[in-house]
Amino acid sequence: MIEFMKVRDVKSPQRNYGDAGIDLYMCNYSQEVEDYIKYKNPTWENDGVSFTPEGVILEPGANVMLPSGLKYKIPSNVALIQFTKSGVCLKKQLDCANGVGDSTYQGELHIHLRNEGYVPRLVKYGEKITQFVPVVYDTSSISVCDFQENWFTEKTSRADGGFGSTGTV
């Protein structure tokens, strides 16, 4: 089960039946939210980030870390992986750095956005801005050994050709 707790004034996360992602929204405006965004982005003025009562403006190339207004609890073998909403990306050219939230983190979930377009973009308070996809992962331990010449016992079609080598002659 995935549980969320509101720590700010924000619309509840939503996921429709069959959706992989859980939609998250920008917090509603308060002076405290604006002050917090400035605190979490100490170079905001030089980075092309500005504020209006409507939302946060990102100049082309600007990055910002935004509070989600939520804390979460997830099982120990689940991570919440941040992905861009396709409509937000298409309409506003806003992309996200694919953040990862794991079960040991107990702070507020944050959203990292970047303006990939050529014009300033407004991220409105209260609007849907990103999605987090819960992903089950392997929790087994890892091991590292010293180099061994014949470590792989059989050749595969991929072998060690690197990028673009699959399917080439």
C-alpha atoms as a PDB file:
ATOM      1  CA  MET A   1       0.000   0.000   0.000  1.00  0.00           C
ATOM      2  CA  ILE A   2       1.147   3.519  -0.783  1.00  0.00           C
ATOM      3  CA  GLU A   3       0.145   6.141   1.769  1.00  0.00           C
ATOM      4  CA  PHE A   4       0.423   9.928   1.523  1.00  0.00           C
ATOM      5  CA  MET A   5       0.159  12.531   4.274  1.00  0.00           C
ATOM      6  CA  LYS A   6      -0.419  16.198   3.478  1.00  0.00           C
ATOM      7  CA  VAL A   7       2.072  18.574   5.105  1.00  0.00           C
ATOM      8  CA  ARG A   8       0.960  21.614   3.066  1.00  0.00           C
ATOM      9  CA  ASP A   9      -2.197  22.851   1.373  1.00  0.00           C
ATOM     10  CA  VAL A  10      -2.211  20.711  -1.788  1.00  0.00           C
ATOM     11  CA  LYS A  11      -4.688  18.729  -3.849  1.00  0.00           C
ATOM     12  CA  SER A  12      -4.581  15.007  -3.056  1.00  0.00           C
ATOM     13  CA  PRO A  13      -2.540  12.797  -5.401  1.00  0.00           C
ATOM     14  CA  GLN A  14      -4.684  10.932  -7.916  1.00  0.00           C
ATOM     15  CA  ARG A  15      -4.445   7.750  -9.921  1.00  0.00           C
ATOM     16  CA  ASN A  16      -7.198   6.383 -12.122  1.00  0.00           C
ATOM     17  CA  TYR A  17      -7.779   2.669 -12.473  1.00  0.00           C
ATOM     18  CA  GLY A  18      -5.171   1.269 -14.878  1.00  0.00           C
ATOM     19  CA  ASP A  19      -2.819   4.269 -14.648  1.00  0.00           C
ATOM     20  CA  ALA A  20       0.798   3.477 -13.812  1.00  0.00           C
ATOM     21  CA  GLY A  21       1.528   6.956 -12.503  1.00  0.00           C
ATOM     22  CA  ILE A  22       0.221   8.826  -9.486  1.00  0.00           C
ATOM     23  CA  ASP A  23      -0.464  12.455 -10.455  1.00  0.00           C
ATOM     24  CA  LEU A  24       0.940  15.156  -8.177  1.00  0.00           C
ATOM     25  CA  TYR A  25      -0.027  18.806  -8.056  1.00  0.00           C
ATOM     26  CA  MET A  26       1.762  22.040  -7.268  1.00  0.00           C
ATOM     27  CA  CYS A  27       1.025  23.250  -3.745  1.00  0.00           C
ATOM     28  CA  ASN A  28      -1.543  25.994  -3.351  1.00  0.00           C
ATOM     29  CA  TYR A  29      -0.088  29.459  -2.855  1.00  0.00           C
ATOM     30  CA  SER A  30       0.983  30.788   0.518  1.00  0.00           C
ATOM     31  CA  GLN A  31       3.829  33.089   1.431  1.00  0.00           C
ATOM     32  CA  GLU A  32       5.326  30.166   3.369  1.00  0.00           C
ATOM     33  CA  VAL A  33       5.370  28.008   0.192  1.00  0.00           C
ATOM     34  CA  GLU A  34       7.055  30.786  -1.792  1.00  0.00           C
ATOM     35  CA  ASP A  35       9.613  31.319   0.985  1.00  0.00           C
ATOM     36  CA  TYR A  36      10.265  27.561   1.162  1.00  0.00           C
ATOM     37  CA  ILE A  37      10.853  27.333  -2.609  1.00  0.00           C
ATOM     38  CA  LYS A  38      13.339  30.201  -2.347  1.00  0.00           C
ATOM     39  CA  TYR A  39      15.046  28.452   0.576  1.00  0.00           C
ATOM     40  CA  LYS A  40      15.342  25.135  -1.317  1.00  0.00           C
ATOM     41  CA  ASN A  41      16.612  26.976  -4.424  1.00  0.00           C
ATOM     42  CA  PRO A  42      19.100  29.464  -2.927  1.00  0.00           C
ATOM     43  CA  THR A  43      20.308  30.741  -6.331  1.00  0.00           C
ATOM     44  CA  TRP A  44      16.776  31.140  -7.716  1.00  0.00           C
ATOM     45  CA  GLU A  45      17.285  34.764  -8.784  1.00  0.00           C
ATOM     46  CA  ASN A  46      20.346  33.905 -10.877  1.00  0.00           C
ATOM     47  CA  ASP A  47      18.801  30.668 -12.157  1.00  0.00           C
ATOM     48  CA  GLY A  48      15.875  32.290 -13.961  1.00  0.00           C
ATOM     49  CA  VAL A  49      13.182  31.553 -11.392  1.00  0.00           C
ATOM     50  CA  SER A  50      10.664  34.209 -10.349  1.00  0.00           C
ATOM     51  CA  PHE A  51       7.356  34.335  -8.532  1.00  0.00           C
ATOM     52  CA  THR A  52       3.878  35.746  -9.078  1.00  0.00           C
ATOM     53  CA  PRO A  53       0.717  35.206  -7.021  1.00  0.00           C
ATOM     54  CA  GLU A  54      -0.336  32.800  -9.823  1.00  0.00           C
ATOM     55  CA  GLY A  55       2.733  30.580  -9.753  1.00  0.00           C
ATOM     56  CA  VAL A  56       6.431  30.102 -10.359  1.00  0.00           C
ATOM     57  CA  ILE A  57       7.960  31.336 -13.625  1.00  0.00           C
ATOM     58  CA  LEU A  58      10.836  29.390 -15.162  1.00  0.00           C
ATOM     59  CA  GLU A  59      12.966  31.082 -17.792  1.00  0.00           C
ATOM     60  CA  PRO A  60      14.324  28.840 -20.590  1.00  0.00           C
ATOM     61  CA  GLY A  61      16.834  26.395 -19.105  1.00  0.00           C
ATOM     62  CA  ALA A  62      15.803  27.179 -15.518  1.00  0.00           C
ATOM     63  CA  ASN A  63      15.589  24.394 -12.917  1.00  0.00           C
ATOM     64  CA  VAL A  64      13.561  24.473  -9.737  1.00  0.00           C
ATOM     65  CA  MET A  65      12.880  22.066  -6.881  1.00  0.00           C
ATOM     66  CA  LEU A  66       9.282  22.379  -5.701  1.00  0.00           C
ATOM     67  CA  PRO A  67       7.671  20.989  -2.554  1.00  0.00           C
ATOM     68  CA  SER A  68       4.938  18.433  -3.219  1.00  0.00           C
ATOM     69  CA  GLY A  69       3.187  19.118   0.074  1.00  0.00           C
ATOM     70  CA  LEU A  70       3.283  15.370   0.746  1.00  0.00           C
ATOM     71  CA  LYS A  71       5.149  12.793   2.763  1.00  0.00           C
ATOM     72  CA  TYR A  72       4.740   9.133   1.886  1.00  0.00           C
ATOM     73  CA  LYS A  73       5.046   5.582   3.191  1.00  0.00           C
ATOM     74  CA  ILE A  74       5.822   2.751   0.787  1.00  0.00           C
ATOM     75  CA  PRO A  75       6.864  -0.890   1.179  1.00  0.00           C
ATOM     76  CA  SER A  76      10.596  -1.577   1.542  1.00  0.00           C
ATOM     77  CA  ASN A  77      10.847  -3.047  -1.988  1.00  0.00           C
ATOM     78  CA  VAL A  78       9.087  -0.159  -3.751  1.00  0.00           C
ATOM     79  CA  ALA A  79      10.474   3.127  -5.081  1.00  0.00           C
ATOM     80  CA  LEU A  80       8.514   6.126  -6.347  1.00  0.00           C
ATOM     81  CA  ILE A  81      10.120   7.225  -9.628  1.00  0.00           C
ATOM     82  CA  GLN A  82       9.297  10.711 -10.949  1.00  0.00           C
ATOM     83  CA  PHE A  83       8.323  11.039 -14.606  1.00  0.00           C
ATOM     84  CA  THR A  84       7.131  13.973 -16.655  1.00  0.00           C
ATOM     85  CA  LYS A  85       3.426  14.173 -17.478  1.00  0.00           C
ATOM     86  CA  SER A  86       3.285  13.930 -21.270  1.00  0.00           C
ATOM     87  CA  GLY A  87       0.768  16.791 -21.556  1.00  0.00           C
ATOM     88  CA  VAL A  88       2.862  19.090 -19.363  1.00  0.00           C
ATOM     89  CA  CYS A  89       5.966  18.247 -21.378  1.00  0.00           C
ATOM     90  CA  LEU A  90       4.235  18.705 -24.718  1.00  0.00           C
ATOM     91  CA  LYS A  91       2.299  21.893 -23.924  1.00  0.00           C
ATOM     92  CA  LYS A  92       4.815  23.666 -21.675  1.00  0.00           C
ATOM     93  CA  GLN A  93       8.147  22.018 -22.526  1.00  0.00           C
ATOM     94  CA  LEU A  94       8.639  21.285 -18.812  1.00  0.00           C
ATOM     95  CA  ASP A  95      10.665  18.196 -18.024  1.00  0.00           C
ATOM     96  CA  CYS A  96      11.621  16.635 -14.725  1.00  0.00           C
ATOM     97  CA  ALA A  97      14.778  15.144 -13.405  1.00  0.00           C
ATOM     98  CA  ASN A  98      13.710  11.591 -12.703  1.00  0.00           C
ATOM     99  CA  GLY A  99      13.725  11.692  -8.916  1.00  0.00           C
ATOM    100  CA  VAL A 100      13.637   8.540  -6.826  1.00  0.00           C
ATOM    101  CA  GLY A 101      11.888   8.200  -3.484  1.00  0.00           C
ATOM    102  CA  ASP A 102      12.623   5.093  -1.448  1.00  0.00           C
ATOM    103  CA  SER A 103      11.066   3.627   1.669  1.00  0.00           C
ATOM    104  CA  THR A 104      13.698   4.959   4.074  1.00  0.00           C
ATOM    105  CA  TYR A 105      13.114   8.640   3.214  1.00  0.00           C
ATOM    106  CA  GLN A 106      10.856  10.386   5.719  1.00  0.00           C
ATOM    107  CA  GLY A 107      10.874  13.974   4.490  1.00  0.00           C
ATOM    108  CA  GLU A 108       8.621  15.855   2.102  1.00  0.00           C
ATOM    109  CA  LEU A 109       8.597  14.600  -1.472  1.00  0.00           C
ATOM    110  CA  HIS A 110      10.053  17.196  -3.866  1.00  0.00           C
ATOM    111  CA  ILE A 111       9.526  17.744  -7.584  1.00  0.00           C
ATOM    112  CA  HIS A 112      12.384  18.860  -9.841  1.00  0.00           C
ATOM    113  CA  LEU A 113      11.284  20.707 -12.999  1.00  0.00           C
ATOM    114  CA  ARG A 114      13.291  22.195 -15.854  1.00  0.00           C
ATOM    115  CA  ASN A 115      12.090  24.504 -18.636  1.00  0.00           C
ATOM    116  CA  GLU A 116      13.318  22.842 -21.843  1.00  0.00           C
ATOM    117  CA  GLY A 117      11.562  25.385 -24.079  1.00  0.00           C
ATOM    118  CA  TYR A 118      12.555  28.735 -25.536  1.00  0.00           C
ATOM    119  CA  VAL A 119      10.084  30.967 -23.680  1.00  0.00           C
ATOM    120  CA  PRO A 120       9.360  31.536 -19.982  1.00  0.00           C
ATOM    121  CA  ARG A 121       6.810  29.087 -18.517  1.00  0.00           C
ATOM    122  CA  LEU A 122       4.426  29.557 -15.604  1.00  0.00           C
ATOM    123  CA  VAL A 123       3.905  26.632 -13.225  1.00  0.00           C
ATOM    124  CA  LYS A 124       0.579  27.527 -11.626  1.00  0.00           C
ATOM    125  CA  TYR A 125      -0.131  26.891  -7.980  1.00  0.00           C
ATOM    126  CA  GLY A 126      -2.546  23.960  -7.736  1.00  0.00           C
ATOM    127  CA  GLU A 127      -1.949  22.542 -11.243  1.00  0.00           C
ATOM    128  CA  LYS A 128      -1.011  18.958 -12.085  1.00  0.00           C
ATOM    129  CA  ILE A 129       2.726  18.942 -12.809  1.00  0.00           C
ATOM    130  CA  THR A 130       4.255  15.474 -12.563  1.00  0.00           C
ATOM    131  CA  GLN A 131       3.663  11.827 -11.820  1.00  0.00           C
ATOM    132  CA  PHE A 132       5.365   9.260  -9.658  1.00  0.00           C
ATOM    133  CA  VAL A 133       5.323   5.627 -10.737  1.00  0.00           C
ATOM    134  CA  PRO A 134       5.685   2.988  -8.017  1.00  0.00           C
ATOM    135  CA  VAL A 135       8.297   0.422  -9.048  1.00  0.00           C
ATOM    136  CA  VAL A 136       9.019  -2.868  -7.300  1.00  0.00           C
ATOM    137  CA  TYR A 137      12.738  -3.585  -7.178  1.00  0.00           C
ATOM    138  CA  ASP A 138      15.111  -6.355  -6.192  1.00  0.00           C
ATOM    139  CA  THR A 139      16.376  -5.965  -2.628  1.00  0.00           C
ATOM    140  CA  SER A 140      18.929  -8.783  -2.719  1.00  0.00           C
ATOM    141  CA  SER A 141      22.508  -8.004  -1.798  1.00  0.00           C
ATOM    142  CA  ILE A 142      25.154  -7.282  -4.418  1.00  0.00           C
ATOM    143  CA  SER A 143      28.640  -8.714  -4.724  1.00  0.00           C
ATOM    144  CA  VAL A 144      31.784  -7.513  -6.456  1.00  0.00           C
ATOM    145  CA  CYS A 145      34.659  -9.791  -7.416  1.00  0.00           C
ATOM    146  CA  ASP A 146      38.118  -9.164  -8.779  1.00  0.00           C
ATOM    147  CA  PHE A 147      38.632  -9.377 -12.554  1.00  0.00           C
ATOM    148  CA  GLN A 148      38.305 -12.876 -14.018  1.00  0.00           C
ATOM    149  CA  GLU A 149      39.131 -13.519 -17.679  1.00  0.00           C
ATOM    150  CA  ASN A 150      36.315 -16.029 -18.307  1.00  0.00           C
ATOM    151  CA  TRP A 151      33.737 -14.666 -15.872  1.00  0.00           C
ATOM    152  CA  PHE A 152      30.842 -15.200 -18.316  1.00  0.00           C
ATOM    153  CA  THR A 153      30.426 -18.894 -19.036  1.00  0.00           C
ATOM    154  CA  GLU A 154      28.677 -18.446 -22.406  1.00  0.00           C
ATOM    155  CA  LYS A 155      28.575 -15.847 -25.183  1.00  0.00           C
ATOM    156  CA  THR A 156      25.346 -13.935 -25.834  1.00  0.00           C
ATOM    157  CA  SER A 157      24.172 -12.150 -28.970  1.00  0.00           C
ATOM    158  CA  ARG A 158      24.906  -8.836 -27.248  1.00  0.00           C
ATOM    159  CA  ALA A 159      28.355  -9.707 -25.899  1.00  0.00           C
ATOM    160  CA  ASP A 160      30.415  -6.554 -25.190  1.00  0.00           C
ATOM    161  CA  GLY A 161      29.911  -4.422 -28.340  1.00  0.00           C
ATOM    162  CA  GLY A 162      28.517  -1.424 -26.454  1.00  0.00           C
ATOM    163  CA  PHE A 163      26.094   1.246 -27.617  1.00  0.00           C
ATOM    164  CA  GLY A 164      24.412   0.511 -30.933  1.00  0.00           C
ATOM    165  CA  SER A 165      26.054  -2.888 -31.396  1.00  0.00           C
ATOM    166  CA  THR A 166      22.915  -5.023 -31.155  1.00  0.00           C
ATOM    167  CA  GLY A 167      21.806  -6.183 -34.593  1.00  0.00           C
ATOM    168  CA  THR A 168      24.939  -4.966 -36.409  1.00  0.00           C
ATOM    169  CA  VAL A 169      27.220  -7.141 -38.489  1.00  0.00           C
END
